C-alpha atoms as a PDB file:
ATOM      1  CA  MET A   1      31.185  31.970 -31.701  1.00  0.00           C
ATOM      2  CA  ARG A   2      31.373  31.546 -28.043  1.00  0.00           C
ATOM      3  CA  LEU A   3      33.976  28.978 -26.887  1.00  0.00           C
ATOM      4  CA  VAL A   4      34.184  27.464 -23.420  1.00  0.00           C
ATOM      5  CA  CYS A   5      37.770  25.868 -22.250  1.00  0.00           C
ATOM      6  CA  ILE A   6      39.145  22.965 -20.325  1.00  0.00           C
ATOM      7  CA  SER A   7      41.684  20.932 -19.775  1.00  0.00           C
ATOM      8  CA  ASP A   8      42.669  18.819 -16.865  1.00  0.00           C
ATOM      9  CA  THR A   9      40.020  17.594 -14.847  1.00  0.00           C
ATOM     10  CA  HIS A  10      41.538  14.482 -13.985  1.00  0.00           C
ATOM     11  CA  ASN A  11      38.432  11.929 -13.180  1.00  0.00           C
ATOM     12  CA  GLN A  12      36.772  15.332 -11.258  1.00  0.00           C
ATOM     13  CA  HIS A  13      34.236  16.757 -14.074  1.00  0.00           C
ATOM     14  CA  ASP A  14      31.065  16.326 -12.324  1.00  0.00           C
ATOM     15  CA  LYS A  15      33.027  19.609  -9.856  1.00  0.00           C
ATOM     16  CA  VAL A  16      32.839  21.791 -13.104  1.00  0.00           C
ATOM     17  CA  ASP A  17      30.270  24.055 -13.371  1.00  0.00           C
ATOM     18  CA  LEU A  18      29.914  24.819 -17.000  1.00  0.00           C
ATOM     19  CA  PRO A  19      28.620  28.287 -18.278  1.00  0.00           C
ATOM     20  CA  GLU A  20      26.589  28.531 -21.270  1.00  0.00           C
ATOM     21  CA  GLY A  21      28.214  28.608 -24.466  1.00  0.00           C
ATOM     22  CA  ASP A  22      28.477  27.331 -28.527  1.00  0.00           C
ATOM     23  CA  VAL A  23      31.418  25.005 -28.234  1.00  0.00           C
ATOM     24  CA  LEU A  24      32.917  23.338 -25.227  1.00  0.00           C
ATOM     25  CA  ILE A  25      36.574  21.762 -25.813  1.00  0.00           C
ATOM     26  CA  HIS A  26      38.336  19.885 -23.683  1.00  0.00           C
ATOM     27  CA  ALA A  27      42.098  20.186 -23.939  1.00  0.00           C
ATOM     28  CA  GLY A  28      43.558  16.668 -22.544  1.00  0.00           C
ATOM     29  CA  ASP A  29      43.912  15.083 -19.642  1.00  0.00           C
ATOM     30  CA  TRP A  30      39.961  14.026 -18.533  1.00  0.00           C
ATOM     31  CA  THR A  31      41.080  10.581 -16.536  1.00  0.00           C
ATOM     32  CA  GLY A  32      43.806   9.425 -14.224  1.00  0.00           C
ATOM     33  CA  THR A  33      45.316   6.536 -16.343  1.00  0.00           C
ATOM     34  CA  GLY A  34      43.181   6.432 -18.864  1.00  0.00           C
ATOM     35  CA  THR A  35      40.983   2.625 -17.715  1.00  0.00           C
ATOM     36  CA  GLN A  36      37.605   1.960 -19.355  1.00  0.00           C
ATOM     37  CA  LYS A  37      35.517   2.964 -16.380  1.00  0.00           C
ATOM     38  CA  GLN A  38      37.204   6.696 -16.129  1.00  0.00           C
ATOM     39  CA  VAL A  39      36.916   7.084 -20.105  1.00  0.00           C
ATOM     40  CA  ILE A  40      33.162   5.626 -20.109  1.00  0.00           C
ATOM     41  CA  SER A  41      32.493   7.824 -17.163  1.00  0.00           C
ATOM     42  CA  PHE A  42      33.706  11.236 -18.842  1.00  0.00           C
ATOM     43  CA  ILE A  43      32.298  10.956 -22.256  1.00  0.00           C
ATOM     44  CA  ARG A  44      28.653  10.175 -20.481  1.00  0.00           C
ATOM     45  CA  TRP A  45      29.616  13.377 -18.839  1.00  0.00           C
ATOM     46  CA  PHE A  46      30.532  14.888 -21.724  1.00  0.00           C
ATOM     47  CA  ALA A  47      28.268  13.749 -24.072  1.00  0.00           C
ATOM     48  CA  SER A  48      25.315  15.256 -22.148  1.00  0.00           C
ATOM     49  CA  GLN A  49      26.212  18.586 -21.956  1.00  0.00           C
ATOM     50  CA  PRO A  50      23.720  20.811 -23.300  1.00  0.00           C
ATOM     51  CA  HIS A  51      26.040  22.694 -25.503  1.00  0.00           C
ATOM     52  CA  LYS A  52      25.526  22.950 -29.637  1.00  0.00           C
ATOM     53  CA  HIS A  53      28.971  21.251 -30.282  1.00  0.00           C
ATOM     54  CA  LYS A  54      31.601  19.509 -28.306  1.00  0.00           C
ATOM     55  CA  ILE A  55      35.615  18.796 -29.285  1.00  0.00           C
ATOM     56  CA  LEU A  56      38.548  16.474 -27.227  1.00  0.00           C
ATOM     57  CA  ILE A  57      41.477  16.140 -27.418  1.00  0.00           C
ATOM     58  CA  ALA A  58      43.608  13.432 -25.635  1.00  0.00           C
ATOM     59  CA  GLY A  59      46.023  13.698 -22.905  1.00  0.00           C
ATOM     60  CA  ASN A  60      49.371  11.963 -21.218  1.00  0.00           C
ATOM     61  CA  HIS A  61      46.654  10.636 -18.778  1.00  0.00           C
ATOM     62  CA  GLU A  62      44.665   9.177 -21.866  1.00  0.00           C
ATOM     63  CA  VAL A  63      47.552   6.613 -21.500  1.00  0.00           C
ATOM     64  CA  THR A  64      45.298   4.001 -23.562  1.00  0.00           C
ATOM     65  CA  LEU A  65      43.814   6.254 -26.403  1.00  0.00           C
ATOM     66  CA  ASP A  66      47.849   6.302 -27.592  1.00  0.00           C
ATOM     67  CA  LEU A  67      47.831   2.904 -28.976  1.00  0.00           C
ATOM     68  CA  PRO A  68      51.219   2.391 -29.531  1.00  0.00           C
ATOM     69  CA  PHE A  69      52.151   3.273 -26.466  1.00  0.00           C
ATOM     70  CA  TYR A  70      49.952   1.348 -24.313  1.00  0.00           C
ATOM     71  CA  GLN A  71      51.029  -2.008 -26.090  1.00  0.00           C
ATOM     72  CA  THR A  72      54.851  -1.549 -24.769  1.00  0.00           C
ATOM     73  CA  HIS A  73      54.167   0.323 -20.961  1.00  0.00           C
ATOM     74  CA  TRP A  74      50.488  -1.159 -20.239  1.00  0.00           C
ATOM     75  CA  HIS A  75      52.028  -2.205 -17.038  1.00  0.00           C
ATOM     76  CA  ASN A  76      53.372   0.927 -15.878  1.00  0.00           C
ATOM     77  CA  PHE A  77      49.633   2.481 -14.832  1.00  0.00           C
ATOM     78  CA  HIS A  78      47.958  -1.326 -15.269  1.00  0.00           C
ATOM     79  CA  PRO A  79      50.372  -3.936 -13.732  1.00  0.00           C
ATOM     80  CA  LYS A  80      47.648  -6.546 -13.204  1.00  0.00           C
ATOM     81  CA  SER A  81      46.597  -6.681 -17.219  1.00  0.00           C
ATOM     82  CA  ALA A  82      46.496  -4.821 -19.743  1.00  0.00           C
ATOM     83  CA  LEU A  83      43.395  -2.994 -20.235  1.00  0.00           C
ATOM     84  CA  PRO A  84      41.719  -3.358 -23.993  1.00  0.00           C
ATOM     85  CA  SER A  85      42.980   0.042 -25.162  1.00  0.00           C
ATOM     86  CA  GLY A  86      41.580  -0.608 -28.595  1.00  0.00           C
ATOM     87  CA  TYR A  87      37.989  -1.318 -27.426  1.00  0.00           C
ATOM     88  CA  ILE A  88      38.456   1.957 -24.901  1.00  0.00           C
ATOM     89  CA  LYS A  89      39.398   4.085 -28.124  1.00  0.00           C
ATOM     90  CA  SER A  90      36.111   2.951 -30.400  1.00  0.00           C
ATOM     91  CA  TYR A  91      34.309   3.953 -27.260  1.00  0.00           C
ATOM     92  CA  VAL A  92      35.124   7.345 -27.903  1.00  0.00           C
ATOM     93  CA  LEU A  93      35.349   7.599 -31.450  1.00  0.00           C
ATOM     94  CA  ARG A  94      32.123   6.525 -31.999  1.00  0.00           C
ATOM     95  CA  GLU A  95      30.282   8.666 -29.492  1.00  0.00           C
ATOM     96  CA  GLU A  96      27.990  10.813 -31.032  1.00  0.00           C
ATOM     97  CA  GLY A  97      28.058  14.781 -30.411  1.00  0.00           C
ATOM     98  CA  ILE A  98      31.754  14.292 -29.767  1.00  0.00           C
ATOM     99  CA  HIS A  99      34.426  15.757 -32.228  1.00  0.00           C
ATOM    100  CA  TYR A 100      37.490  13.709 -30.915  1.00  0.00           C
ATOM    101  CA  LEU A 101      40.594  14.956 -32.842  1.00  0.00           C
ATOM    102  CA  GLU A 102      43.944  13.084 -33.335  1.00  0.00           C
ATOM    103  CA  ASP A 103      46.170  15.289 -35.421  1.00  0.00           C
ATOM    104  CA  THR A 104      42.835  16.229 -37.295  1.00  0.00           C
ATOM    105  CA  GLU A 105      40.606  18.967 -37.812  1.00  0.00           C
ATOM    106  CA  VAL A 106      36.968  20.049 -37.870  1.00  0.00           C
ATOM    107  CA  VAL A 107      35.114  22.936 -39.284  1.00  0.00           C
ATOM    108  CA  ILE A 108      32.000  23.978 -37.388  1.00  0.00           C
ATOM    109  CA  ASP A 109      29.996  26.932 -38.973  1.00  0.00           C
ATOM    110  CA  GLY A 110      32.930  27.937 -41.120  1.00  0.00           C
ATOM    111  CA  VAL A 111      35.445  27.946 -38.419  1.00  0.00           C
ATOM    112  CA  LYS A 112      38.413  25.341 -38.670  1.00  0.00           C
ATOM    113  CA  PHE A 113      39.416  23.270 -35.633  1.00  0.00           C
ATOM    114  CA  TYR A 114      42.419  21.276 -35.231  1.00  0.00           C
ATOM    115  CA  GLY A 115      43.796  19.244 -31.947  1.00  0.00           C
ATOM    116  CA  SER A 116      46.945  17.053 -31.001  1.00  0.00           C
ATOM    117  CA  PRO A 117      47.199  15.658 -28.378  1.00  0.00           C
ATOM    118  CA  HIS A 118      51.226  15.760 -28.372  1.00  0.00           C
ATOM    119  CA  GLN A 119      53.611  17.213 -26.350  1.00  0.00           C
ATOM    120  CA  PRO A 120      57.210  16.970 -25.321  1.00  0.00           C
ATOM    121  CA  SER A 121      58.520  13.980 -23.973  1.00  0.00           C
ATOM    122  CA  PHE A 122      58.405  14.030 -20.035  1.00  0.00           C
ATOM    123  CA  GLY A 123      59.180  10.164 -18.400  1.00  0.00           C
ATOM    124  CA  CYS A 124      56.666   7.750 -19.067  1.00  0.00           C
ATOM    125  CA  TRP A 125      53.815   9.237 -20.682  1.00  0.00           C
ATOM    126  CA  ALA A 126      51.511   8.784 -23.182  1.00  0.00           C
ATOM    127  CA  PHE A 127      51.550  11.301 -26.380  1.00  0.00           C
ATOM    128  CA  GLY A 128      55.044  11.923 -25.463  1.00  0.00           C
ATOM    129  CA  VAL A 129      57.213  13.000 -28.795  1.00  0.00           C
ATOM    130  CA  ASP A 130      60.937  13.665 -28.538  1.00  0.00           C
ATOM    131  CA  ARG A 131      61.984  17.579 -28.850  1.00  0.00           C
ATOM    132  CA  GLY A 132      63.430  18.945 -32.116  1.00  0.00           C
ATOM    133  CA  LEU A 133      62.985  17.361 -35.729  1.00  0.00           C
ATOM    134  CA  PRO A 134      60.435  14.582 -34.432  1.00  0.00           C
ATOM    135  CA  ILE A 135      57.631  17.103 -32.551  1.00  0.00           C
ATOM    136  CA  ARG A 136      58.808  19.731 -35.175  1.00  0.00           C
ATOM    137  CA  SER A 137      57.229  16.677 -37.765  1.00  0.00           C
ATOM    138  CA  VAL A 138      54.236  16.550 -35.370  1.00  0.00           C
ATOM    139  CA  TRP A 139      53.568  20.629 -35.881  1.00  0.00           C
ATOM    140  CA  SER A 140      54.542  20.754 -39.669  1.00  0.00           C
ATOM    141  CA  ASP A 141      50.664  19.142 -40.179  1.00  0.00           C
ATOM    142  CA  ILE A 142      48.570  21.679 -38.600  1.00  0.00           C
ATOM    143  CA  PRO A 143      46.878  23.719 -41.253  1.00  0.00           C
ATOM    144  CA  ASP A 144      47.941  26.756 -42.577  1.00  0.00           C
ATOM    145  CA  ASP A 145      44.165  28.146 -42.210  1.00  0.00           C
ATOM    146  CA  THR A 146      43.704  27.001 -38.580  1.00  0.00           C
ATOM    147  CA  ASP A 147      41.455  29.353 -36.851  1.00  0.00           C
ATOM    148  CA  VAL A 148      41.634  27.477 -33.591  1.00  0.00           C
ATOM    149  CA  LEU A 149      44.362  25.637 -32.452  1.00  0.00           C
ATOM    150  CA  ILE A 150      43.966  22.580 -29.664  1.00  0.00           C
ATOM    151  CA  THR A 151      46.963  20.704 -27.793  1.00  0.00           C
ATOM    152  CA  HIS A 152      47.371  18.997 -24.524  1.00  0.00           C
ATOM    153  CA  GLY A 153      50.798  21.489 -24.477  1.00  0.00           C
ATOM    154  CA  PRO A 154      51.354  25.080 -24.020  1.00  0.00           C
ATOM    155  CA  PRO A 155      53.768  26.867 -26.426  1.00  0.00           C
ATOM    156  CA  TYR A 156      57.428  28.313 -24.624  1.00  0.00           C
ATOM    157  CA  GLY A 157      56.899  30.961 -22.323  1.00  0.00           C
ATOM    158  CA  TYR A 158      52.819  31.520 -22.137  1.00  0.00           C
ATOM    159  CA  GLY A 159      51.296  29.200 -19.081  1.00  0.00           C
ATOM    160  CA  ASP A 160      54.012  26.600 -19.057  1.00  0.00           C
ATOM    161  CA  MET A 161      56.123  27.024 -15.849  1.00  0.00           C
ATOM    162  CA  LEU A 162      56.578  24.835 -12.876  1.00  0.00           C
ATOM    163  CA  ASP A 163      56.026  25.578 -10.003  1.00  0.00           C
ATOM    164  CA  ILE A 164      59.455  25.586  -9.198  1.00  0.00           C
ATOM    165  CA  GLY A 165      59.752  27.732 -11.586  1.00  0.00           C
ATOM    166  CA  GLU A 166      61.131  25.998 -14.865  1.00  0.00           C
ATOM    167  CA  ARG A 167      59.641  26.486 -18.071  1.00  0.00           C
ATOM    168  CA  VAL A 168      58.407  23.141 -20.104  1.00  0.00           C
ATOM    169  CA  GLY A 169      56.668  24.345 -23.189  1.00  0.00           C
ATOM    170  CA  CYS A 170      57.929  23.542 -26.618  1.00  0.00           C
ATOM    171  CA  LYS A 171      59.794  26.047 -28.491  1.00  0.00           C
ATOM    172  CA  ASP A 172      59.310  25.171 -31.773  1.00  0.00           C
ATOM    173  CA  LEU A 173      55.379  24.459 -31.758  1.00  0.00           C
ATOM    174  CA  LEU A 174      55.562  28.861 -30.298  1.00  0.00           C
ATOM    175  CA  GLU A 175      57.995  29.073 -33.853  1.00  0.00           C
ATOM    176  CA  GLU A 176      55.069  27.272 -35.653  1.00  0.00           C
ATOM    177  CA  ILE A 177      52.451  29.347 -34.355  1.00  0.00           C
ATOM    178  CA  THR A 178      54.020  32.871 -34.278  1.00  0.00           C
ATOM    179  CA  THR A 179      55.575  31.834 -38.211  1.00  0.00           C
ATOM    180  CA  ARG A 180      53.278  29.918 -40.068  1.00  0.00           C
ATOM    181  CA  VAL A 181      49.726  28.785 -38.818  1.00  0.00           C
ATOM    182  CA  LYS A 182      48.447  31.918 -36.392  1.00  0.00           C
ATOM    183  CA  PRO A 183      45.799  30.972 -35.469  1.00  0.00           C
ATOM    184  CA  LYS A 184      42.889  33.634 -33.493  1.00  0.00           C
ATOM    185  CA  VAL A 185      42.966  31.012 -30.674  1.00  0.00           C
ATOM    186  CA  HIS A 186      45.416  28.691 -28.824  1.00  0.00           C
ATOM    187  CA  ILE A 187      43.895  26.498 -26.339  1.00  0.00           C
ATOM    188  CA  TYR A 188      46.230  23.984 -23.934  1.00  0.00           C
ATOM    189  CA  GLY A 189      46.768  22.805 -20.332  1.00  0.00           C
ATOM    190  CA  HIS A 190      48.981  20.019 -19.018  1.00  0.00           C
ATOM    191  CA  ILE A 191      50.873  23.049 -16.631  1.00  0.00           C
ATOM    192  CA  HIS A 192      48.068  23.324 -14.091  1.00  0.00           C
ATOM    193  CA  GLU A 193      50.238  25.915 -12.651  1.00  0.00           C
ATOM    194  CA  GLY A 194      50.230  28.375 -16.256  1.00  0.00           C
ATOM    195  CA  TYR A 195      46.141  28.284 -16.168  1.00  0.00           C
ATOM    196  CA  GLY A 196      44.987  31.934 -17.512  1.00  0.00           C
ATOM    197  CA  THR A 197      45.317  33.566 -20.939  1.00  0.00           C
ATOM    198  CA  TYR A 198      47.742  35.246 -22.497  1.00  0.00           C
ATOM    199  CA  ASP A 199      48.409  37.657 -25.630  1.00  0.00           C
ATOM    200  CA  LEU A 200      50.580  37.271 -28.704  1.00  0.00           C
ATOM    201  CA  GLU A 201      51.201  39.083 -31.749  1.00  0.00           C
ATOM    202  CA  GLY A 202      47.173  38.923 -32.089  1.00  0.00           C
ATOM    203  CA  ILE A 203      46.662  35.518 -31.141  1.00  0.00           C
ATOM    204  CA  LYS A 204      44.668  34.943 -27.707  1.00  0.00           C
ATOM    205  CA  LEU A 205      46.761  31.548 -25.928  1.00  0.00           C
ATOM    206  CA  ILE A 206      44.394  29.905 -23.113  1.00  0.00           C
ATOM    207  CA  ASN A 207      45.635  27.416 -20.651  1.00  0.00           C
ATOM    208  CA  SER A 208      42.548  25.989 -19.769  1.00  0.00           C
ATOM    209  CA  ALA A 209      43.980  23.846 -16.859  1.00  0.00           C
ATOM    210  CA  VAL A 210      40.843  23.493 -14.046  1.00  0.00           C
ATOM    211  CA  CYS A 211      43.061  21.442 -11.630  1.00  0.00           C
ATOM    212  CA  ASP A 212      45.598  23.587  -9.895  1.00  0.00           C
ATOM    213  CA  HIS A 213      49.149  22.160  -9.182  1.00  0.00           C
ATOM    214  CA  ASN A 214      47.530  20.189  -6.250  1.00  0.00           C
ATOM    215  CA  TYR A 215      45.103  18.192  -8.380  1.00  0.00           C
ATOM    216  CA  LEU A 216      42.348  20.599  -6.375  1.00  0.00           C
ATOM    217  CA  MET A 217      39.362  21.927  -8.672  1.00  0.00           C
ATOM    218  CA  ASN A 218      40.020  25.556  -7.909  1.00  0.00           C
ATOM    219  CA  ASN A 219      40.512  26.895 -11.709  1.00  0.00           C
ATOM    220  CA  LYS A 220      37.446  28.528 -13.773  1.00  0.00           C
ATOM    221  CA  PRO A 221      36.349  27.193 -16.933  1.00  0.00           C
ATOM    222  CA  ILE A 222      37.714  29.835 -19.574  1.00  0.00           C
ATOM    223  CA  VAL A 223      35.290  31.681 -22.014  1.00  0.00           C
ATOM    224  CA  TYR A 224      36.140  33.167 -24.756  1.00  0.00           C
ATOM    225  CA  SER A 225      34.378  35.025 -27.837  1.00  0.00           C
ATOM    226  CA  LEU A 226      35.116  33.988 -30.957  1.00  0.00           C
ATOM    227  CA  THR A 227      34.571  36.878 -33.528  1.00  0.00           C
ATOM    228  CA  GLU A 228      35.413  37.530 -37.780  1.00  0.00           C
END
């Protein structure tokens, strides 16, 4: 099974040159602030790709998809008026040919994929969860038999270093994947500077952010062949 991994396209999806593969995976931040126009543009593009299976999670920039968050903080992103977030999310959910995962799973040809948009809180952005017990409770829901884990944010120490030299990955996520879940592959993005592949105790870690830290499309999709 050939996985084509991207994330952090930030409204520049039409500039991505996608290689062939069986499963196209986007690990979040496909828009700027989740407006109706941005979401529809991306979803139409994503759905039109030739890959047999397409898996999508949201990121912190998809603010309209985090309904409780948007209800409280909409004015930070769309000061003139709140957008119809419920309708926007329903558009994503009803698109045929796309598996949208939000702390949920899908099994494709015997391979279990699990996706979560959450990341440790920073500033005022969607799907943020406080470090410690709150974020641990999110990761505890990842099934033990997950083969491919997709999160928006990285685990601590692997593709999580900002250009200022600070690591911002999640230590609780790192512990969960190394001590319990042990997926074959963990795909994420969020930290553009961390783009690349890493190896950890037999787990392939992939930071698939195609935008660099200046939001320029300088990184290529990462292809990984998943074997039994």
